[in-house]
N, C-alpha and C. Protein backbone atom coordinates (compact mmCIF):
# COMPACT_ATOMS: atom_id res chain seq x y z
N MET A 1 2.15 25.01 -27.94
CA MET A 1 2.74 26.15 -28.19
C MET A 1 3.49 26.69 -27.53
N GLU A 2 3.93 26.21 -26.13
CA GLU A 2 5.33 26.31 -25.04
C GLU A 2 6.43 25.81 -26.43
N LEU A 3 6.39 24.65 -27.19
CA LEU A 3 7.53 25.04 -27.49
C LEU A 3 7.56 25.72 -28.62
N LEU A 4 7.30 25.81 -28.79
CA LEU A 4 7.40 26.91 -30.22
C LEU A 4 7.78 28.23 -29.76
N ARG A 5 7.54 28.36 -28.28
CA ARG A 5 8.09 29.53 -28.07
C ARG A 5 9.21 29.71 -27.76
N GLN A 6 9.70 28.18 -27.31
CA GLN A 6 10.90 28.02 -27.15
C GLN A 6 12.05 28.85 -28.43
N ILE A 7 11.66 28.64 -30.06
CA ILE A 7 12.41 28.68 -30.68
C ILE A 7 11.80 30.33 -31.42
N GLY A 8 11.07 31.23 -30.30
CA GLY A 8 10.76 32.48 -31.07
C GLY A 8 9.57 32.58 -32.19
N ILE A 9 8.76 31.51 -31.69
CA ILE A 9 7.39 31.26 -32.46
C ILE A 9 5.84 31.69 -32.07
N THR A 10 5.59 32.09 -32.42
CA THR A 10 4.08 32.45 -31.33
C THR A 10 3.16 32.32 -32.74
N PRO A 11 2.26 31.01 -32.35
CA PRO A 11 1.25 30.83 -33.79
C PRO A 11 0.22 31.70 -33.09
N ASP A 12 -0.04 32.36 -34.88
CA ASP A 12 -1.48 32.99 -34.89
C ASP A 12 -2.85 32.04 -34.43
N ARG A 13 -2.95 30.80 -34.22
CA ARG A 13 -3.93 29.70 -34.06
C ARG A 13 -3.40 28.22 -33.86
N ILE A 14 -3.69 27.81 -33.04
CA ILE A 14 -3.76 26.58 -32.86
C ILE A 14 -4.80 25.56 -33.30
N PHE A 15 -5.43 24.67 -33.66
CA PHE A 15 -6.29 23.43 -33.35
C PHE A 15 -5.61 22.27 -34.01
N ALA A 16 -6.95 21.77 -33.52
CA ALA A 16 -6.88 20.20 -33.41
C ALA A 16 -7.70 19.95 -34.09
N PRO A 17 -6.73 19.00 -35.73
CA PRO A 17 -8.51 18.84 -36.67
C PRO A 17 -8.38 17.08 -36.21
N GLU A 18 -10.22 17.25 -36.90
CA GLU A 18 -10.59 15.98 -36.45
C GLU A 18 -10.18 14.59 -37.52
N ILE A 19 -9.55 13.93 -36.92
CA ILE A 19 -8.83 13.01 -38.42
C ILE A 19 -9.24 11.86 -37.39
N ASP A 20 -9.12 10.42 -38.23
CA ASP A 20 -9.12 9.11 -37.59
C ASP A 20 -7.76 9.11 -37.62
N GLU A 21 -7.65 8.22 -36.45
CA GLU A 21 -6.28 8.42 -35.68
C GLU A 21 -6.00 6.28 -35.96
N THR A 22 -6.68 5.95 -36.53
CA THR A 22 -6.73 4.15 -36.42
C THR A 22 -5.77 3.61 -37.04
N PRO A 23 -4.70 3.44 -36.84
CA PRO A 23 -3.25 2.86 -37.46
C PRO A 23 -4.14 2.37 -38.71
N ALA A 24 -3.09 1.99 -39.80
CA ALA A 24 -3.84 1.06 -41.49
C ALA A 24 -3.27 -0.48 -40.50
N PRO A 25 -4.01 -1.99 -41.11
CA PRO A 25 -3.56 -2.84 -40.51
C PRO A 25 -1.75 -3.16 -40.99
N GLY A 26 -0.99 -3.65 -40.20
CA GLY A 26 0.41 -3.58 -40.33
C GLY A 26 0.98 -2.83 -40.41
N GLU A 27 0.32 -1.52 -40.32
CA GLU A 27 1.27 0.16 -40.27
C GLU A 27 2.26 0.10 -38.82
N LEU A 28 3.39 0.34 -39.55
CA LEU A 28 4.36 0.42 -38.48
C LEU A 28 4.59 1.73 -38.03
N PRO A 29 4.76 1.39 -36.39
CA PRO A 29 4.89 3.50 -35.73
C PRO A 29 5.67 4.54 -36.68
N ARG A 30 6.80 4.12 -37.29
CA ARG A 30 7.62 5.62 -38.27
C ARG A 30 6.92 5.80 -39.05
N ALA A 31 6.11 4.69 -40.07
CA ALA A 31 4.71 5.55 -40.70
C ALA A 31 3.90 5.90 -40.18
N TYR A 32 3.29 5.34 -38.90
CA TYR A 32 1.97 5.86 -38.36
C TYR A 32 2.36 7.21 -38.45
N ALA A 33 3.56 8.03 -37.55
CA ALA A 33 3.84 8.70 -37.29
C ALA A 33 3.50 9.98 -38.39
N ALA A 34 4.45 9.42 -40.05
CA ALA A 34 4.47 10.63 -40.46
C ALA A 34 2.89 10.57 -41.41
N ARG A 35 2.20 10.01 -41.16
CA ARG A 35 0.83 9.82 -42.29
C ARG A 35 0.06 10.81 -41.40
N MET A 36 -0.16 10.30 -39.83
CA MET A 36 -1.07 11.18 -38.78
C MET A 36 -0.33 12.70 -38.91
N ALA A 37 0.92 13.21 -38.71
CA ALA A 37 1.82 14.82 -39.46
C ALA A 37 0.73 15.02 -40.33
N LEU A 38 1.33 14.16 -41.55
CA LEU A 38 0.78 15.24 -42.99
C LEU A 38 -1.31 14.96 -42.59
N ALA A 39 -1.86 14.15 -41.91
CA ALA A 39 -3.04 14.39 -42.24
C ALA A 39 -3.87 15.20 -41.51
N LYS A 40 -2.38 15.61 -40.01
CA LYS A 40 -3.23 16.77 -39.96
C LYS A 40 -2.74 18.56 -40.26
N LEU A 41 -2.27 17.98 -41.38
CA LEU A 41 -1.86 19.47 -41.90
C LEU A 41 -3.15 20.07 -42.43
N SER A 42 -3.22 21.27 -42.63
CA SER A 42 -4.70 22.04 -43.37
C SER A 42 -4.09 22.96 -44.14
N ALA A 43 -5.39 23.51 -45.24
CA ALA A 43 -5.05 24.30 -46.13
C ALA A 43 -5.71 25.58 -45.92
N GLN A 44 -4.77 26.73 -45.18
CA GLN A 44 -4.44 27.56 -44.67
C GLN A 44 -4.12 28.63 -45.95
N ASP A 45 -4.84 29.95 -45.71
CA ASP A 45 -4.28 30.27 -47.47
C ASP A 45 -3.10 31.46 -46.70
N ASP A 46 -2.29 31.50 -47.43
CA ASP A 46 -1.41 32.42 -47.18
C ASP A 46 -0.99 32.47 -45.81
N ALA A 47 -0.58 30.94 -45.46
CA ALA A 47 0.30 31.11 -43.37
C ALA A 47 0.83 29.46 -43.55
N TYR A 48 2.16 29.35 -42.72
CA TYR A 48 2.85 28.52 -42.88
C TYR A 48 1.98 27.67 -41.53
N VAL A 49 1.84 26.29 -42.12
CA VAL A 49 1.02 25.66 -41.28
C VAL A 49 2.01 23.95 -41.09
N ILE A 50 2.36 23.75 -39.43
CA ILE A 50 2.70 23.24 -38.70
C ILE A 50 1.60 21.86 -38.58
N ALA A 51 2.69 20.74 -38.49
CA ALA A 51 1.27 19.70 -37.78
C ALA A 51 2.43 18.37 -37.30
N ALA A 52 2.05 17.89 -36.49
CA ALA A 52 2.76 16.63 -35.36
C ALA A 52 2.15 15.95 -35.12
N ASP A 53 3.11 15.08 -34.76
CA ASP A 53 1.99 13.68 -34.60
C ASP A 53 3.49 12.99 -33.46
N THR A 54 3.19 12.56 -32.29
CA THR A 54 4.35 11.46 -31.45
C THR A 54 3.41 9.86 -31.52
N VAL A 55 4.41 9.49 -31.90
CA VAL A 55 4.04 7.67 -31.64
C VAL A 55 4.96 6.99 -30.12
N VAL A 56 4.56 7.02 -29.80
CA VAL A 56 5.52 5.67 -28.81
C VAL A 56 5.41 4.32 -29.31
N ALA A 57 6.33 3.59 -29.52
CA ALA A 57 6.60 2.17 -30.15
C ALA A 57 7.25 1.28 -29.03
N ALA A 58 6.69 -0.01 -28.59
CA ALA A 58 7.25 -1.03 -27.98
C ALA A 58 7.75 -1.80 -29.09
N GLY A 59 8.54 -1.77 -29.62
CA GLY A 59 8.92 -2.18 -30.49
C GLY A 59 7.89 -2.02 -31.64
N ARG A 60 7.41 -3.30 -32.41
CA ARG A 60 6.69 -2.99 -33.70
C ARG A 60 4.86 -2.23 -33.04
N ARG A 61 4.79 -2.59 -31.70
CA ARG A 61 3.72 -1.84 -31.18
C ARG A 61 3.68 -0.74 -30.75
N ILE A 62 1.95 0.02 -31.91
CA ILE A 62 1.88 1.24 -31.17
C ILE A 62 1.39 1.34 -30.05
N LEU A 63 2.20 2.60 -28.77
CA LEU A 63 1.26 2.61 -27.44
C LEU A 63 0.18 3.94 -27.56
N HIS A 64 -0.62 3.92 -27.84
CA HIS A 64 -1.94 5.11 -28.14
C HIS A 64 -1.66 5.84 -27.17
N LYS A 65 -2.30 6.93 -27.45
CA LYS A 65 -3.17 7.67 -26.21
C LYS A 65 -3.75 7.30 -25.05
N THR A 66 -3.71 7.44 -23.93
CA THR A 66 -3.96 6.70 -23.31
C THR A 66 -5.83 7.25 -22.27
N GLU A 67 -6.48 6.81 -22.36
CA GLU A 67 -7.66 7.27 -22.11
C GLU A 67 -8.15 6.37 -20.30
N ALA A 68 -8.15 5.56 -20.33
CA ALA A 68 -8.15 4.61 -19.36
C ALA A 68 -7.39 4.46 -18.45
N ARG A 69 -7.48 4.32 -17.16
CA ARG A 69 -6.07 4.18 -16.28
C ARG A 69 -5.36 2.33 -16.38
N ASP A 70 -6.08 1.85 -16.39
CA ASP A 70 -5.57 0.16 -16.61
C ASP A 70 -4.47 -0.43 -17.97
N GLU A 71 -5.45 1.03 -19.22
CA GLU A 71 -4.23 0.43 -20.12
C GLU A 71 -2.92 1.43 -20.11
N ALA A 72 -3.27 2.35 -19.19
CA ALA A 72 -1.76 3.50 -18.87
C ALA A 72 -0.64 2.16 -17.84
N GLU A 73 -1.49 1.78 -16.97
CA GLU A 73 -0.69 0.74 -16.25
C GLU A 73 -0.05 -0.13 -16.49
N ALA A 74 -1.47 -0.71 -17.71
CA ALA A 74 -0.05 -2.08 -18.60
C ALA A 74 0.64 -1.23 -19.77
N TYR A 75 0.52 0.18 -20.05
CA TYR A 75 1.67 0.52 -20.89
C TYR A 75 2.96 0.61 -20.20
N LEU A 76 3.20 1.20 -19.05
CA LEU A 76 3.72 1.52 -18.03
C LEU A 76 4.61 0.28 -17.40
N ARG A 77 3.71 -0.70 -17.14
CA ARG A 77 4.41 -2.16 -16.64
C ARG A 77 5.39 -2.59 -18.12
N LEU A 78 4.98 -3.01 -19.32
CA LEU A 78 5.61 -2.48 -20.76
C LEU A 78 6.93 -2.11 -20.53
N LEU A 79 7.34 -0.53 -20.33
CA LEU A 79 7.70 -0.13 -20.76
C LEU A 79 8.92 -0.07 -19.40
N SER A 80 8.65 -0.69 -18.37
CA SER A 80 9.07 -0.40 -16.87
C SER A 80 10.43 -1.30 -17.62
N GLY A 81 11.99 -0.65 -17.05
CA GLY A 81 13.15 -1.41 -17.31
C GLY A 81 13.42 -1.74 -18.71
N ARG A 82 12.50 -1.31 -19.72
CA ARG A 82 13.31 -1.57 -20.91
C ARG A 82 14.08 0.05 -21.61
N ARG A 83 13.54 -0.01 -22.70
CA ARG A 83 14.36 0.94 -24.05
C ARG A 83 13.10 0.71 -24.97
N HIS A 84 12.51 1.72 -25.48
CA HIS A 84 11.66 2.49 -26.09
C HIS A 84 12.02 3.31 -27.91
N LYS A 85 10.82 3.61 -28.39
CA LYS A 85 11.61 4.40 -29.60
C LYS A 85 10.02 5.20 -29.84
N VAL A 86 10.53 6.76 -29.98
CA VAL A 86 9.88 7.69 -29.64
C VAL A 86 9.65 8.10 -31.24
N PHE A 87 8.46 8.09 -32.02
CA PHE A 87 8.38 8.70 -33.26
C PHE A 87 7.40 9.62 -33.28
N THR A 88 8.38 10.92 -33.56
CA THR A 88 7.41 12.16 -34.15
C THR A 88 7.60 12.62 -35.26
N GLY A 89 6.44 12.71 -36.07
CA GLY A 89 6.31 12.75 -37.54
C GLY A 89 6.20 14.47 -37.45
N VAL A 90 6.84 15.27 -38.18
CA VAL A 90 6.44 17.02 -38.22
C VAL A 90 6.47 17.02 -39.39
N ALA A 91 5.27 17.80 -40.09
CA ALA A 91 5.10 17.94 -41.54
C ALA A 91 4.69 19.61 -41.94
N VAL A 92 5.42 20.67 -42.33
CA VAL A 92 5.05 21.81 -42.75
C VAL A 92 4.68 21.93 -44.49
N ARG A 93 3.67 23.16 -44.28
CA ARG A 93 3.22 23.35 -45.44
C ARG A 93 3.06 25.26 -45.41
N ALA A 94 3.58 25.67 -46.80
CA ALA A 94 3.76 27.00 -47.13
C ALA A 94 2.79 27.59 -47.21
N PRO A 95 3.05 28.76 -47.37
CA PRO A 95 1.47 29.42 -48.03
C PRO A 95 1.51 29.03 -49.32
N ASP A 96 2.21 28.84 -50.24
CA ASP A 96 2.05 28.42 -51.44
C ASP A 96 2.04 26.76 -51.77
N GLY A 97 1.71 26.35 -50.72
CA GLY A 97 0.95 24.84 -50.83
C GLY A 97 2.59 23.77 -51.03
N ARG A 98 3.50 23.92 -50.87
CA ARG A 98 4.71 23.25 -50.90
C ARG A 98 4.90 22.27 -49.15
N VAL A 99 4.95 21.40 -49.32
CA VAL A 99 5.41 21.00 -48.00
C VAL A 99 6.43 19.96 -48.03
N ALA A 100 6.90 19.85 -46.69
CA ALA A 100 8.14 19.21 -46.52
C ALA A 100 8.07 18.28 -44.69
N ARG A 101 8.10 17.76 -45.09
CA ARG A 101 8.00 16.94 -43.81
C ARG A 101 9.11 16.15 -43.40
N ARG A 102 9.23 15.46 -41.91
CA ARG A 102 10.47 14.09 -41.15
C ARG A 102 9.80 13.66 -39.95
N VAL A 103 10.14 12.31 -40.09
CA VAL A 103 10.13 11.81 -39.23
C VAL A 103 11.37 11.71 -38.35
N VAL A 104 10.76 11.89 -36.63
CA VAL A 104 12.48 11.99 -35.84
C VAL A 104 12.48 10.95 -35.10
N GLU A 105 13.49 10.19 -34.47
CA GLU A 105 13.59 9.02 -33.88
C GLU A 105 14.26 9.51 -32.52
N SER A 106 13.53 8.95 -31.62
CA SER A 106 14.52 9.07 -30.25
C SER A 106 14.43 7.91 -29.59
N VAL A 107 15.02 7.14 -28.77
CA VAL A 107 15.39 6.33 -27.99
C VAL A 107 15.11 6.57 -26.64
N VAL A 108 14.12 5.93 -25.67
CA VAL A 108 14.02 6.09 -24.43
C VAL A 108 14.28 5.48 -23.32
N GLY A 109 14.55 5.36 -22.32
CA GLY A 109 14.92 4.44 -21.47
C GLY A 109 14.21 3.97 -20.32
N PHE A 110 13.38 3.65 -19.92
CA PHE A 110 12.92 3.42 -18.57
C PHE A 110 13.61 2.87 -17.34
N ALA A 111 13.68 3.16 -16.18
CA ALA A 111 14.38 2.76 -15.12
C ALA A 111 12.95 1.92 -15.08
N ARG A 112 13.26 0.92 -14.05
CA ARG A 112 12.14 -0.28 -13.65
C ARG A 112 11.57 0.31 -12.51
N LEU A 113 10.51 0.58 -12.74
CA LEU A 113 9.80 1.07 -11.76
C LEU A 113 8.97 -0.32 -10.66
N ASP A 114 9.17 0.44 -9.62
CA ASP A 114 8.55 0.33 -8.36
C ASP A 114 7.23 0.31 -8.18
N GLU A 115 6.20 -0.77 -7.49
CA GLU A 115 4.92 -0.52 -7.08
C GLU A 115 4.29 0.71 -6.68
N PRO A 116 5.11 1.47 -5.60
CA PRO A 116 4.44 3.12 -5.40
C PRO A 116 5.00 3.76 -6.17
N GLN A 117 5.72 3.30 -6.70
CA GLN A 117 5.99 4.87 -8.55
C GLN A 117 4.84 4.46 -9.60
N LEU A 118 4.87 3.18 -9.80
CA LEU A 118 3.38 2.83 -10.61
C LEU A 118 2.49 3.88 -10.16
N ARG A 119 2.04 3.84 -8.85
CA ARG A 119 0.47 3.92 -7.99
C ARG A 119 0.46 5.42 -8.38
N ASP A 120 1.77 5.73 -7.48
CA ASP A 120 1.66 7.54 -7.04
C ASP A 120 1.45 7.94 -8.96
N TYR A 121 2.50 7.34 -9.78
CA TYR A 121 1.88 8.06 -11.16
C TYR A 121 0.59 7.64 -11.88
N LEU A 122 -0.16 6.76 -11.45
CA LEU A 122 -1.14 6.75 -11.97
C LEU A 122 -2.79 7.26 -11.48
N ASP A 123 -2.19 7.57 -10.01
CA ASP A 123 -3.20 8.36 -8.58
C ASP A 123 -3.50 9.94 -9.63
N SER A 124 -1.83 10.28 -10.13
CA SER A 124 -1.91 11.43 -10.49
C SER A 124 -2.59 12.05 -11.69
N GLY A 125 -3.05 10.94 -13.09
CA GLY A 125 -3.40 11.04 -14.21
C GLY A 125 -3.51 11.99 -15.12
N GLU A 126 -1.59 11.95 -14.48
CA GLU A 126 -1.17 13.04 -16.11
C GLU A 126 -0.72 12.07 -17.24
N TRP A 127 -1.19 10.81 -16.84
CA TRP A 127 -0.86 10.12 -17.92
C TRP A 127 -2.23 9.86 -19.19
N ARG A 128 -3.26 10.42 -18.90
CA ARG A 128 -4.33 10.90 -19.45
C ARG A 128 -3.89 11.57 -20.84
N GLY A 129 -4.58 11.35 -21.89
CA GLY A 129 -4.18 11.81 -23.20
C GLY A 129 -2.69 11.69 -23.74
N LYS A 130 -1.96 10.95 -23.04
CA LYS A 130 -0.68 10.72 -23.49
C LYS A 130 -0.05 9.58 -23.79
N ALA A 131 0.55 9.72 -25.18
CA ALA A 131 0.88 8.59 -26.17
C ALA A 131 2.02 7.82 -24.95
N GLY A 132 1.62 6.97 -24.65
CA GLY A 132 2.39 5.31 -23.96
C GLY A 132 2.33 5.64 -22.49
N GLY A 133 1.10 6.64 -22.65
CA GLY A 133 0.39 6.24 -20.89
C GLY A 133 1.29 7.60 -19.92
N TYR A 134 2.71 8.35 -20.60
CA TYR A 134 3.35 9.29 -20.00
C TYR A 134 3.80 10.39 -20.86
N ALA A 135 4.13 10.99 -19.72
CA ALA A 135 4.63 12.69 -19.96
C ALA A 135 5.74 13.02 -19.85
N ILE A 136 7.25 12.58 -20.69
CA ILE A 136 8.65 13.18 -20.30
C ILE A 136 8.40 14.60 -19.64
N GLN A 137 8.19 15.63 -19.89
CA GLN A 137 8.17 16.82 -19.19
C GLN A 137 7.42 16.61 -17.58
N GLY A 138 7.30 15.90 -17.38
CA GLY A 138 6.55 16.09 -15.96
C GLY A 138 6.97 14.95 -15.51
N ARG A 139 6.06 14.45 -14.54
CA ARG A 139 6.86 13.80 -12.94
C ARG A 139 6.93 12.31 -13.74
N ALA A 140 6.91 11.86 -15.32
CA ALA A 140 7.61 10.82 -15.08
C ALA A 140 9.04 11.03 -16.06
N ALA A 141 9.43 12.48 -15.77
CA ALA A 141 10.80 12.37 -15.90
C ALA A 141 11.74 11.92 -14.81
N THR A 142 11.02 11.33 -13.95
CA THR A 142 11.66 11.00 -12.97
C THR A 142 12.21 9.04 -13.49
N PHE A 143 11.47 8.90 -14.03
CA PHE A 143 11.42 7.60 -14.50
C PHE A 143 12.45 7.12 -15.77
N ILE A 144 13.09 8.36 -16.52
CA ILE A 144 13.66 8.45 -17.29
C ILE A 144 15.41 8.33 -17.03
N ASP A 145 16.10 6.67 -17.62
CA ASP A 145 17.45 7.05 -16.89
C ASP A 145 18.15 6.98 -18.56
N PHE A 146 17.83 7.12 -19.45
CA PHE A 146 18.25 7.37 -20.91
C PHE A 146 17.39 8.04 -22.08
N ILE A 147 18.45 8.98 -22.49
CA ILE A 147 17.90 9.59 -23.57
C ILE A 147 18.48 9.34 -24.55
N ALA A 148 17.99 9.40 -26.14
CA ALA A 148 19.17 9.03 -27.43
C ALA A 148 18.57 9.86 -28.40
N GLY A 149 18.59 11.30 -28.61
CA GLY A 149 17.47 11.64 -30.17
C GLY A 149 17.20 13.46 -29.37
N SER A 150 16.15 13.80 -29.60
CA SER A 150 15.58 14.49 -29.56
C SER A 150 14.76 14.62 -28.55
N TYR A 151 14.84 15.61 -27.32
CA TYR A 151 14.15 15.30 -26.37
C TYR A 151 12.44 16.14 -26.73
N SER A 152 12.36 17.33 -27.41
CA SER A 152 11.94 18.33 -27.73
C SER A 152 10.45 17.04 -28.74
N GLY A 153 11.30 16.55 -29.13
CA GLY A 153 10.55 15.42 -29.79
C GLY A 153 10.07 14.51 -29.23
N VAL A 154 10.67 13.91 -28.46
CA VAL A 154 9.68 13.03 -26.87
C VAL A 154 8.26 14.02 -26.39
N VAL A 155 8.75 15.55 -26.14
CA VAL A 155 7.50 16.28 -25.92
C VAL A 155 6.01 16.06 -26.86
N GLY A 156 6.62 16.53 -28.22
CA GLY A 156 6.14 16.93 -28.78
C GLY A 156 5.91 17.21 -30.29
N LEU A 157 7.69 18.01 -30.50
CA LEU A 157 7.69 18.79 -31.36
C LEU A 157 8.85 18.57 -31.45
N PRO A 158 10.02 18.31 -32.33
CA PRO A 158 11.35 18.39 -32.34
C PRO A 158 11.70 19.80 -33.15
N LEU A 159 12.26 20.36 -31.85
CA LEU A 159 12.32 21.54 -32.44
C LEU A 159 13.33 21.78 -33.58
N HIS A 160 14.42 21.16 -33.32
CA HIS A 160 15.61 21.36 -34.43
C HIS A 160 14.98 21.20 -35.49
N GLU A 161 14.53 20.21 -36.07
CA GLU A 161 13.98 20.28 -37.45
C GLU A 161 12.91 20.64 -37.60
N THR A 162 12.02 21.18 -36.91
CA THR A 162 10.66 21.88 -37.19
C THR A 162 11.50 23.19 -37.65
N ALA A 163 12.19 24.15 -37.20
CA ALA A 163 12.87 25.18 -37.68
C ALA A 163 13.17 25.27 -38.87
N ALA A 164 14.25 23.86 -39.17
CA ALA A 164 15.19 23.41 -40.63
C ALA A 164 13.90 23.23 -41.89
N LEU A 165 12.88 22.79 -41.26
CA LEU A 165 11.56 22.53 -42.04
C LEU A 165 11.12 24.14 -42.42
N LEU A 166 11.14 25.04 -41.67
CA LEU A 166 10.56 26.18 -41.96
C LEU A 166 11.82 26.70 -42.90
N ARG A 167 12.75 27.00 -42.74
CA ARG A 167 13.35 27.70 -43.05
C ARG A 167 13.91 26.78 -44.77
N GLY A 168 13.45 26.06 -44.37
CA GLY A 168 13.80 25.58 -46.56
C GLY A 168 12.65 26.03 -46.98
N LEU A 169 11.48 26.54 -46.29
CA LEU A 169 9.96 26.40 -47.20
C LEU A 169 10.34 28.11 -47.23
N GLY A 170 11.57 28.39 -46.79
CA GLY A 170 11.74 30.37 -47.27
C GLY A 170 11.10 30.92 -46.01
N TRP A 171 10.31 30.13 -44.49
CA TRP A 171 9.77 31.24 -43.04
C TRP A 171 11.39 32.02 -43.00
N GLN A 172 10.84 33.48 -42.50
CA GLN A 172 11.83 34.30 -42.18
C GLN A 172 11.36 34.98 -40.93
N ARG A 173 11.38 35.05 -39.90
CA ARG A 173 11.21 36.03 -38.89
C ARG A 173 10.76 37.30 -39.32
N ALA A 174 9.33 37.76 -38.22
CA ALA A 174 8.70 38.80 -38.93
C ALA A 174 9.42 40.17 -38.51
């Protein structure tokens, strides 16, 4: 919601649809992000609907939303000192049912994490529920030594692309 406010949009409603987020066998991160964004679209009448999904990928491996500290630690150790990709799929449905979609790819570089940094971040709990075990807009910002692409896409919604999709479907500010 905070991201949408940055481009002057205040949603009427926000909801998290209940969908199966299990990747298909052999599904690559880009395709998974696109499929999840489309799966999250709902059929609201007379409304524009925006859905997005962000996937952190180390090579062909999808780094899911972390719920356990040991999983977050494993992901952060994997990302430490290397670059990885973040794919954010965004899909927009117009009131007439037309759908536009896009996957935005960003490259993020992590500095090498030392043990105190890693321990402090894990102790913060900020990793909980975050793809890849980190939130670029939070404490993990200090880990980032490189980014190419969409910062807002890494946060969770590529604003430039979302606005372009909305305009392409005829959306105008009220």
